[in-house]
C-alpha atoms as a PDB file:
ATOM      1  CA  MET A   1      25.553-114.610  70.654  1.00  0.00           C
ATOM      2  CA  THR A   2      23.003-111.694  70.433  1.00  0.00           C
ATOM      3  CA  ALA A   3      20.566-110.424  73.103  1.00  0.00           C
ATOM      4  CA  THR A   4      17.617-108.315  72.797  1.00  0.00           C
ATOM      5  CA  ILE A   5      16.532-105.183  75.049  1.00  0.00           C
ATOM      6  CA  ARG A   6      13.641-105.907  76.995  1.00  0.00           C
ATOM      7  CA  HIS A   7      13.664-102.904  79.460  1.00  0.00           C
ATOM      8  CA  ILE A   8      15.217 -99.501  79.885  1.00  0.00           C
ATOM      9  CA  TYR A   9      15.115 -97.621  83.021  1.00  0.00           C
ATOM     10  CA  ARG A  10      16.722 -94.470  84.528  1.00  0.00           C
ATOM     11  CA  TYR A  11      16.640 -93.371  88.120  1.00  0.00           C
ATOM     12  CA  PRO A  12      16.393 -89.628  88.073  1.00  0.00           C
ATOM     13  CA  VAL A  13      16.775 -89.484  92.038  1.00  0.00           C
ATOM     14  CA  LYS A  14      19.033 -91.839  93.568  1.00  0.00           C
ATOM     15  CA  GLY A  15      17.271 -94.444  95.581  1.00  0.00           C
ATOM     16  CA  LEU A  16      13.661 -93.661  94.295  1.00  0.00           C
ATOM     17  CA  THR A  17      11.518 -95.067  91.720  1.00  0.00           C
ATOM     18  CA  ALA A  18      12.643 -96.436  88.500  1.00  0.00           C
ATOM     19  CA  GLU A  19      11.305 -94.470  85.147  1.00  0.00           C
ATOM     20  CA  ALA A  20      10.640 -96.995  82.232  1.00  0.00           C
ATOM     21  CA  MET A  21      11.749 -95.756  78.907  1.00  0.00           C
ATOM     22  CA  ASP A  22      10.947 -96.895  75.406  1.00  0.00           C
ATOM     23  CA  ALA A  23      14.091 -95.349  73.814  1.00  0.00           C
ATOM     24  CA  VAL A  24      16.972 -93.024  74.724  1.00  0.00           C
ATOM     25  CA  ASP A  25      19.903 -91.378  72.973  1.00  0.00           C
ATOM     26  CA  LEU A  26      23.358 -92.286  74.489  1.00  0.00           C
ATOM     27  CA  ALA A  27      26.416 -90.092  73.988  1.00  0.00           C
ATOM     28  CA  ALA A  28      30.031 -91.269  73.938  1.00  0.00           C
ATOM     29  CA  GLY A  29      31.491 -91.176  77.361  1.00  0.00           C
ATOM     30  CA  GLY A  30      28.124 -90.340  78.858  1.00  0.00           C
ATOM     31  CA  TYR A  31      25.471 -91.788  81.185  1.00  0.00           C
ATOM     32  CA  LEU A  32      21.934 -92.674  80.401  1.00  0.00           C
ATOM     33  CA  PRO A  33      20.410 -89.129  80.444  1.00  0.00           C
ATOM     34  CA  ASP A  34      19.002 -87.817  83.833  1.00  0.00           C
ATOM     35  CA  ASP A  35      20.181 -91.069  85.501  1.00  0.00           C
ATOM     36  CA  ARG A  36      20.964 -90.514  89.192  1.00  0.00           C
ATOM     37  CA  ARG A  37      21.109 -86.629  88.309  1.00  0.00           C
ATOM     38  CA  PHE A  38      19.728 -85.893  91.740  1.00  0.00           C
ATOM     39  CA  ALA A  39      20.244 -87.252  95.249  1.00  0.00           C
ATOM     40  CA  LEU A  40      19.211 -86.707  98.776  1.00  0.00           C
ATOM     41  CA  ALA A  41      22.393 -85.796 100.712  1.00  0.00           C
ATOM     42  CA  LEU A  42      22.502 -86.602 104.542  1.00  0.00           C
ATOM     43  CA  ALA A  43      22.700 -83.841 106.942  1.00  0.00           C
ATOM     44  CA  THR A  44      26.121 -84.820 107.706  1.00  0.00           C
ATOM     45  CA  THR A  45      27.341 -84.780 104.021  1.00  0.00           C
ATOM     46  CA  PRO A  46      30.126 -82.261 103.375  1.00  0.00           C
ATOM     47  CA  GLY A  47      29.010 -79.276 101.234  1.00  0.00           C
ATOM     48  CA  THR A  48      26.423 -76.588 101.177  1.00  0.00           C
ATOM     49  CA  GLY A  49      25.517 -75.876  97.621  1.00  0.00           C
ATOM     50  CA  THR A  50      22.868 -77.288  95.371  1.00  0.00           C
ATOM     51  CA  GLN A  51      25.385 -79.022  93.080  1.00  0.00           C
ATOM     52  CA  THR A  52      27.840 -81.688  94.080  1.00  0.00           C
ATOM     53  CA  GLU A  53      30.829 -83.671  92.643  1.00  0.00           C
ATOM     54  CA  TRP A  54      30.560 -87.470  92.732  1.00  0.00           C
ATOM     55  CA  MET A  55      30.628 -88.881  96.234  1.00  0.00           C
ATOM     56  CA  PRO A  56      30.097 -92.436  97.507  1.00  0.00           C
ATOM     57  CA  LYS A  57      26.693 -93.658  98.216  1.00  0.00           C
ATOM     58  CA  ARG A  58      27.194 -93.552 102.078  1.00  0.00           C
ATOM     59  CA  ASN A  59      26.700 -89.834 101.754  1.00  0.00           C
ATOM     60  CA  PHE A  60      23.106 -90.018 100.439  1.00  0.00           C
ATOM     61  CA  LEU A  61      19.837 -91.717 101.270  1.00  0.00           C
ATOM     62  CA  ALA A  62      19.974 -94.920  99.640  1.00  0.00           C
ATOM     63  CA  LEU A  63      18.258 -98.432  99.535  1.00  0.00           C
ATOM     64  CA  VAL A  64      21.281-100.051 100.822  1.00  0.00           C
ATOM     65  CA  LYS A  65      20.557 -98.622 104.277  1.00  0.00           C
ATOM     66  CA  ASP A  66      17.312 -96.992 103.672  1.00  0.00           C
ATOM     67  CA  ALA A  67      14.769 -99.395 102.776  1.00  0.00           C
ATOM     68  CA  LYS A  68      11.898 -97.212 103.770  1.00  0.00           C
ATOM     69  CA  LEU A  69      12.408 -95.248 100.484  1.00  0.00           C
ATOM     70  CA  ALA A  70      10.811 -98.119  98.554  1.00  0.00           C
ATOM     71  CA  THR A  71       7.455 -97.431 100.169  1.00  0.00           C
ATOM     72  CA  LEU A  72       7.281 -94.261  98.044  1.00  0.00           C
ATOM     73  CA  GLN A  73       6.269 -93.911  94.479  1.00  0.00           C
ATOM     74  CA  THR A  74       7.822 -91.105  92.561  1.00  0.00           C
ATOM     75  CA  GLU A  75       7.276 -89.586  89.210  1.00  0.00           C
ATOM     76  CA  TYR A  76       9.915 -87.366  87.379  1.00  0.00           C
ATOM     77  CA  ASP A  77       8.754 -84.976  84.626  1.00  0.00           C
ATOM     78  CA  HIS A  78      12.107 -84.422  82.845  1.00  0.00           C
ATOM     79  CA  VAL A  79      10.589 -81.398  80.798  1.00  0.00           C
ATOM     80  CA  SER A  80       9.426 -79.453  83.771  1.00  0.00           C
ATOM     81  CA  GLU A  81      12.087 -81.025  86.063  1.00  0.00           C
ATOM     82  CA  THR A  82       9.367 -81.850  88.605  1.00  0.00           C
ATOM     83  CA  LEU A  83       9.286 -84.684  91.154  1.00  0.00           C
ATOM     84  CA  THR A  84       5.966 -85.937  92.334  1.00  0.00           C
ATOM     85  CA  ILE A  85       6.026 -88.225  95.386  1.00  0.00           C
ATOM     86  CA  LYS A  86       3.223 -90.497  96.332  1.00  0.00           C
ATOM     87  CA  ARG A  87       2.499 -92.875  99.196  1.00  0.00           C
ATOM     88  CA  GLN A  88      -0.023 -95.570  98.688  1.00  0.00           C
ATOM     89  CA  GLY A  89      -1.239 -93.857  95.572  1.00  0.00           C
ATOM     90  CA  ARG A  90      -1.795 -90.538  97.324  1.00  0.00           C
ATOM     91  CA  GLN A  91       0.374 -87.473  96.435  1.00  0.00           C
ATOM     92  CA  VAL A  92       2.265 -86.376  99.429  1.00  0.00           C
ATOM     93  CA  ALA A  93       4.956 -83.894  98.013  1.00  0.00           C
ATOM     94  CA  ARG A  94       5.776 -82.173  94.841  1.00  0.00           C
ATOM     95  CA  GLY A  95       8.331 -79.845  93.585  1.00  0.00           C
ATOM     96  CA  LYS A  96      10.709 -78.606  90.780  1.00  0.00           C
ATOM     97  CA  LEU A  97      14.032 -80.089  91.617  1.00  0.00           C
ATOM     98  CA  THR A  98      16.044 -77.142  90.035  1.00  0.00           C
ATOM     99  CA  ASP A  99      13.790 -74.413  91.804  1.00  0.00           C
ATOM    100  CA  ARG A 100      14.809 -73.238  95.536  1.00  0.00           C
ATOM    101  CA  ILE A 101      11.169 -73.548  96.557  1.00  0.00           C
ATOM    102  CA  GLY A 102      10.704 -76.594  94.889  1.00  0.00           C
ATOM    103  CA  ARG A 103      13.750 -78.275  96.587  1.00  0.00           C
ATOM    104  CA  ALA A 104      12.835 -77.023  99.846  1.00  0.00           C
ATOM    105  CA  MET A 105       9.355 -78.734  99.524  1.00  0.00           C
ATOM    106  CA  ILE A 106      11.107 -82.176  98.683  1.00  0.00           C
ATOM    107  CA  GLU A 107      13.596 -81.705 101.596  1.00  0.00           C
ATOM    108  CA  ASP A 108      10.935 -80.917 104.073  1.00  0.00           C
ATOM    109  CA  PHE A 109       8.938 -83.961 103.024  1.00  0.00           C
ATOM    110  CA  PHE A 110      11.993 -86.295 103.667  1.00  0.00           C
ATOM    111  CA  ALA A 111      13.096 -84.733 106.859  1.00  0.00           C
ATOM    112  CA  ALA A 112       9.821 -85.565 108.338  1.00  0.00           C
ATOM    113  CA  TYR A 113       9.571 -89.061 106.522  1.00  0.00           C
ATOM    114  CA  MET A 114      12.887 -90.347 107.018  1.00  0.00           C
ATOM    115  CA  LYS A 115      13.499 -88.787 110.539  1.00  0.00           C
ATOM    116  CA  GLU A 116      16.696 -90.018 112.168  1.00  0.00           C
ATOM    117  CA  GLU A 117      17.745 -92.153 109.091  1.00  0.00           C
ATOM    118  CA  SER A 118      18.488 -88.694 107.352  1.00  0.00           C
ATOM    119  CA  ARG A 119      20.685 -87.533 110.348  1.00  0.00           C
ATOM    120  CA  GLY A 120      18.951 -84.176 110.087  1.00  0.00           C
ATOM    121  CA  ARG A 121      17.239 -82.195 107.281  1.00  0.00           C
ATOM    122  CA  PRO A 122      18.430 -83.759 104.138  1.00  0.00           C
ATOM    123  CA  ARG A 123      19.749 -81.694 101.161  1.00  0.00           C
ATOM    124  CA  LEU A 124      18.484 -82.215  97.634  1.00  0.00           C
ATOM    125  CA  VAL A 125      21.773 -81.951  95.459  1.00  0.00           C
ATOM    126  CA  GLU A 126      22.218 -82.139  91.715  1.00  0.00           C
ATOM    127  CA  ALA A 127      25.361 -83.540  90.008  1.00  0.00           C
ATOM    128  CA  MET A 128      27.914 -81.259  88.439  1.00  0.00           C
ATOM    129  CA  PRO A 129      27.523 -80.926  84.571  1.00  0.00           C
ATOM    130  CA  GLY A 130      28.920 -84.006  83.131  1.00  0.00           C
ATOM    131  CA  ASP A 131      28.891 -85.893  86.171  1.00  0.00           C
ATOM    132  CA  ARG A 132      26.270 -88.322  87.951  1.00  0.00           C
ATOM    133  CA  LEU A 133      25.581 -89.767  91.378  1.00  0.00           C
ATOM    134  CA  THR A 134      25.753 -93.306  90.507  1.00  0.00           C
ATOM    135  CA  ASP A 135      27.502 -95.778  92.802  1.00  0.00           C
ATOM    136  CA  GLN A 136      30.417 -95.604  90.238  1.00  0.00           C
ATOM    137  CA  SER A 137      32.859 -92.651  89.732  1.00  0.00           C
ATOM    138  CA  THR A 138      33.018 -93.235  86.080  1.00  0.00           C
ATOM    139  CA  ALA A 139      30.570 -93.059  83.337  1.00  0.00           C
ATOM    140  CA  VAL A 140      28.892 -96.373  82.754  1.00  0.00           C
ATOM    141  CA  ILE A 141      25.685 -98.063  81.722  1.00  0.00           C
ATOM    142  CA  SER A 142      24.402-101.024  83.833  1.00  0.00           C
ATOM    143  CA  ILE A 143      23.299-104.101  81.863  1.00  0.00           C
ATOM    144  CA  ILE A 144      21.446-107.076  83.470  1.00  0.00           C
ATOM    145  CA  ASN A 145      20.922-110.588  81.767  1.00  0.00           C
ATOM    146  CA  LEU A 146      17.141-111.537  82.708  1.00  0.00           C
ATOM    147  CA  ALA A 147      18.169-115.289  82.075  1.00  0.00           C
ATOM    148  CA  SER A 148      20.848-114.936  84.799  1.00  0.00           C
ATOM    149  CA  ILE A 149      18.039-113.959  87.112  1.00  0.00           C
ATOM    150  CA  ARG A 150      15.827-116.655  86.155  1.00  0.00           C
ATOM    151  CA  ASP A 151      18.646-119.076  86.923  1.00  0.00           C
ATOM    152  CA  LEU A 152      19.295-117.474  90.389  1.00  0.00           C
ATOM    153  CA  GLU A 153      15.360-118.095  90.957  1.00  0.00           C
ATOM    154  CA  GLU A 154      15.252-121.510  89.824  1.00  0.00           C
ATOM    155  CA  ARG A 155      18.628-123.092  90.945  1.00  0.00           C
ATOM    156  CA  VAL A 156      19.172-121.212  94.195  1.00  0.00           C
ATOM    157  CA  MET A 157      16.456-118.817  95.542  1.00  0.00           C
ATOM    158  CA  LYS A 158      13.486-121.092  94.626  1.00  0.00           C
ATOM    159  CA  THR A 159      11.166-118.109  94.466  1.00  0.00           C
ATOM    160  CA  ALA A 160      10.657-115.147  92.252  1.00  0.00           C
ATOM    161  CA  VAL A 161      13.136-112.254  92.000  1.00  0.00           C
ATOM    162  CA  ASP A 162      12.010-109.023  90.769  1.00  0.00           C
ATOM    163  CA  PRO A 163      14.459-107.695  88.280  1.00  0.00           C
ATOM    164  CA  LEU A 164      13.954-104.073  89.632  1.00  0.00           C
ATOM    165  CA  ARG A 165      15.992-105.136  92.746  1.00  0.00           C
ATOM    166  CA  PHE A 166      19.068-104.729  90.747  1.00  0.00           C
ATOM    167  CA  ARG A 167      18.195-101.162  89.452  1.00  0.00           C
ATOM    168  CA  ALA A 168      19.897-101.619  86.152  1.00  0.00           C
ATOM    169  CA  ASN A 169      19.614 -99.422  83.185  1.00  0.00           C
ATOM    170  CA  VAL A 170      19.314-101.987  80.433  1.00  0.00           C
ATOM    171  CA  TYR A 171      17.575-105.513  80.806  1.00  0.00           C
ATOM    172  CA  VAL A 172      18.310-107.984  78.202  1.00  0.00           C
ATOM    173  CA  ASP A 173      17.222-111.341  77.201  1.00  0.00           C
ATOM    174  CA  GLY A 174      17.768-113.967  74.661  1.00  0.00           C
ATOM    175  CA  ILE A 175      21.105-115.375  75.655  1.00  0.00           C
ATOM    176  CA  ALA A 176      22.095-118.072  77.998  1.00  0.00           C
ATOM    177  CA  PRO A 177      22.523-117.386  81.770  1.00  0.00           C
ATOM    178  CA  TRP A 178      25.656-115.603  82.674  1.00  0.00           C
ATOM    179  CA  ALA A 179      26.696-115.277  79.081  1.00  0.00           C
ATOM    180  CA  GLU A 180      27.343-111.666  79.617  1.00  0.00           C
ATOM    181  CA  PHE A 181      30.215-112.404  81.729  1.00  0.00           C
ATOM    182  CA  ASN A 182      31.850-113.615  78.681  1.00  0.00           C
ATOM    183  CA  TRP A 183      31.558-110.108  77.100  1.00  0.00           C
ATOM    184  CA  LEU A 184      34.166-108.630  79.559  1.00  0.00           C
ATOM    185  CA  GLY A 185      36.606-106.409  77.751  1.00  0.00           C
ATOM    186  CA  ARG A 186      35.173-106.709  74.488  1.00  0.00           C
ATOM    187  CA  GLN A 187      33.475-104.096  72.056  1.00  0.00           C
ATOM    188  CA  ALA A 188      29.792-104.650  71.712  1.00  0.00           C
ATOM    189  CA  SER A 189      26.768-103.088  70.211  1.00  0.00           C
ATOM    190  CA  LEU A 190      23.856-101.723  72.210  1.00  0.00           C
ATOM    191  CA  GLY A 191      21.105-100.750  69.917  1.00  0.00           C
ATOM    192  CA  ALA A 192      22.691 -97.981  67.577  1.00  0.00           C
ATOM    193  CA  ALA A 193      25.324 -97.402  70.270  1.00  0.00           C
ATOM    194  CA  GLY A 194      28.773 -98.866  70.826  1.00  0.00           C
ATOM    195  CA  VAL A 195      29.996 -99.776  74.051  1.00  0.00           C
ATOM    196  CA  THR A 196      32.928-101.631  75.944  1.00  0.00           C
ATOM    197  CA  ILE A 197      32.028-104.164  78.589  1.00  0.00           C
ATOM    198  CA  THR A 198      34.151-103.089  81.414  1.00  0.00           C
ATOM    199  CA  GLU A 199      33.454-105.257  84.573  1.00  0.00           C
ATOM    200  CA  ARG A 200      31.059-107.275  86.419  1.00  0.00           C
ATOM    201  CA  ILE A 201      28.852-105.614  88.979  1.00  0.00           C
ATOM    202  CA  ASP A 202      29.200-106.967  92.519  1.00  0.00           C
ATOM    203  CA  ARG A 203      26.215-106.434  94.671  1.00  0.00           C
ATOM    204  CA  CYS A 204      25.438-104.912  98.001  1.00  0.00           C
ATOM    205  CA  ALA A 205      22.396-105.453 100.452  1.00  0.00           C
ATOM    206  CA  ALA A 206      20.389-102.973  98.532  1.00  0.00           C
ATOM    207  CA  VAL A 207      19.234-105.723  96.274  1.00  0.00           C
ATOM    208  CA  ASN A 208      17.673-107.477  99.324  1.00  0.00           C
ATOM    209  CA  VAL A 209      15.198-104.939  99.479  1.00  0.00           C
ATOM    210  CA  ASN A 210      11.710-105.893  97.798  1.00  0.00           C
ATOM    211  CA  PRO A 211      10.911-102.787  95.541  1.00  0.00           C
ATOM    212  CA  ALA A 212       7.062-103.421  95.996  1.00  0.00           C
ATOM    213  CA  THR A 213       7.044-103.853  99.803  1.00  0.00           C
ATOM    214  CA  ALA A 214      10.312-102.240 101.064  1.00  0.00           C
ATOM    215  CA  GLU A 215      10.906-105.430 103.173  1.00  0.00           C
ATOM    216  CA  ARG A 216      14.330-107.148 103.302  1.00  0.00           C
ATOM    217  CA  ASP A 217      12.546-110.315 102.417  1.00  0.00           C
ATOM    218  CA  LEU A 218      15.490-112.150 100.565  1.00  0.00           C
ATOM    219  CA  ASN A 219      19.297-112.432 101.090  1.00  0.00           C
ATOM    220  CA  ILE A 220      20.276-112.215  97.574  1.00  0.00           C
ATOM    221  CA  VAL A 221      24.020-111.392  98.120  1.00  0.00           C
ATOM    222  CA  LYS A 222      24.288-114.600 100.293  1.00  0.00           C
ATOM    223  CA  ALA A 223      22.286-116.624  97.642  1.00  0.00           C
ATOM    224  CA  LEU A 224      24.745-115.586  94.946  1.00  0.00           C
ATOM    225  CA  GLN A 225      27.765-116.547  97.103  1.00  0.00           C
ATOM    226  CA  ALA A 226      26.388-119.899  97.945  1.00  0.00           C
ATOM    227  CA  GLY A 227      25.231-120.743  94.555  1.00  0.00           C
ATOM    228  CA  TYR A 228      27.836-119.465  92.231  1.00  0.00           C
ATOM    229  CA  GLY A 229      30.914-118.530  94.418  1.00  0.00           C
ATOM    230  CA  HIS A 230      30.640-114.722  93.617  1.00  0.00           C
ATOM    231  CA  ILE A 231      28.203-111.837  94.427  1.00  0.00           C
ATOM    232  CA  ASP A 232      27.918-110.293  90.785  1.00  0.00           C
ATOM    233  CA  MET A 233      24.868-109.822  88.821  1.00  0.00           C
ATOM    234  CA  GLY A 234      25.215-107.893  85.578  1.00  0.00           C
ATOM    235  CA  VAL A 235      27.902-105.808  83.839  1.00  0.00           C
ATOM    236  CA  PHE A 236      29.058-102.206  83.388  1.00  0.00           C
ATOM    237  CA  ALA A 237      29.399-100.725  79.683  1.00  0.00           C
ATOM    238  CA  ARG A 238      31.268 -97.639  78.746  1.00  0.00           C
ATOM    239  CA  VAL A 239      29.650 -95.856  75.825  1.00  0.00           C
ATOM    240  CA  THR A 240      32.302 -95.531  73.090  1.00  0.00           C
ATOM    241  CA  THR A 241      29.930 -94.675  70.113  1.00  0.00           C
ATOM    242  CA  GLY A 242      26.862 -92.432  70.686  1.00  0.00           C
ATOM    243  CA  GLY A 243      23.531 -93.765  69.361  1.00  0.00           C
ATOM    244  CA  ARG A 244      19.967 -94.447  70.146  1.00  0.00           C
ATOM    245  CA  ILE A 245      18.899 -97.627  71.920  1.00  0.00           C
ATOM    246  CA  ALA A 246      15.207 -98.722  72.160  1.00  0.00           C
ATOM    247  CA  LEU A 247      13.281-101.654  73.121  1.00  0.00           C
ATOM    248  CA  GLY A 248      13.563-104.625  70.922  1.00  0.00           C
ATOM    249  CA  ASP A 249      17.209-103.569  69.790  1.00  0.00           C
ATOM    250  CA  ALA A 250      19.983-106.156  69.507  1.00  0.00           C
ATOM    251  CA  VAL A 251      22.777-106.277  72.085  1.00  0.00           C
ATOM    252  CA  GLY A 252      25.935-108.425  71.610  1.00  0.00           C
ATOM    253  CA  PRO A 253      29.733-108.410  71.348  1.00  0.00           C
ATOM    254  CA  ALA A 254      31.068-107.120  67.971  1.00  0.00           C
END
C-alpha cells in the first residue's frame, strides 16, 4: 500500500514554528537538513559554548513544558541563517543565529519573554556538525499518517486535531488509518530516498498544546491510551539511501 507526501516540515529552532517545504534532499544516515539545528538551552543546562552535543529535551525550552512558545511566530532564512520572531504579526526580535550579536539579541528576547520558565537567561546553541537537537539521539525522520489523525478525531476526540501538534517532518495520506505501524522493520521508499522504518513514536504532553493558541486544550495522550491502548502516533525512519523528496511523491514499503 502506497501513500503520498502531503506536507514536509522542518523546525530550525527546537520548540518554535514549523517551516513548510516543497522539496528537500536527504542524505543517507542524516536528518532533514536544518531540522532542530538550534535550540534555546535553559540557564541551568551544562555547558558554556555555542555548540552542543545531543542532550535530552529537558535541557531546552520546549513545548512539552513551555506552551508559551506557541504564541510566537518565527521565520528562519536558511541562506542568511537569520531568525525573525513575531508576536501577533508584529516583529519583536531578529538575529543571525550563527553570529555573536545576533545570538545575543535572540537570547535577550527570550530571557524577557519566558522569564522564570528559562531559569535565567537562556543560551542559544547549535548542534555539533552531524548532530541535531531532536528528541531522539539517533538520526531519524518522523512520518505521520494523516488518516490516523482523522481516525483519532472521528472515533475518540470528536473534534478537530491540528496535525502540526505532532511536529512531524513528513505527513502522508492515501493509506488506511494506522497502516504505517505495519511498516515497522521494513525497507521503504520515501520519494527518491530509501528508508528503514525503525519504531513507533510515543507521544508526550507537547501534543496537547494547540499550535495556534498555545493553550493545552486537548489531552491527546490520554485519548490515544483510552481509544487504542497506546500513546503512539507516527513512525520514525532512518535514511538508508539519499535522495530528494517532494510533495506528491510516493511513500511505502519496498
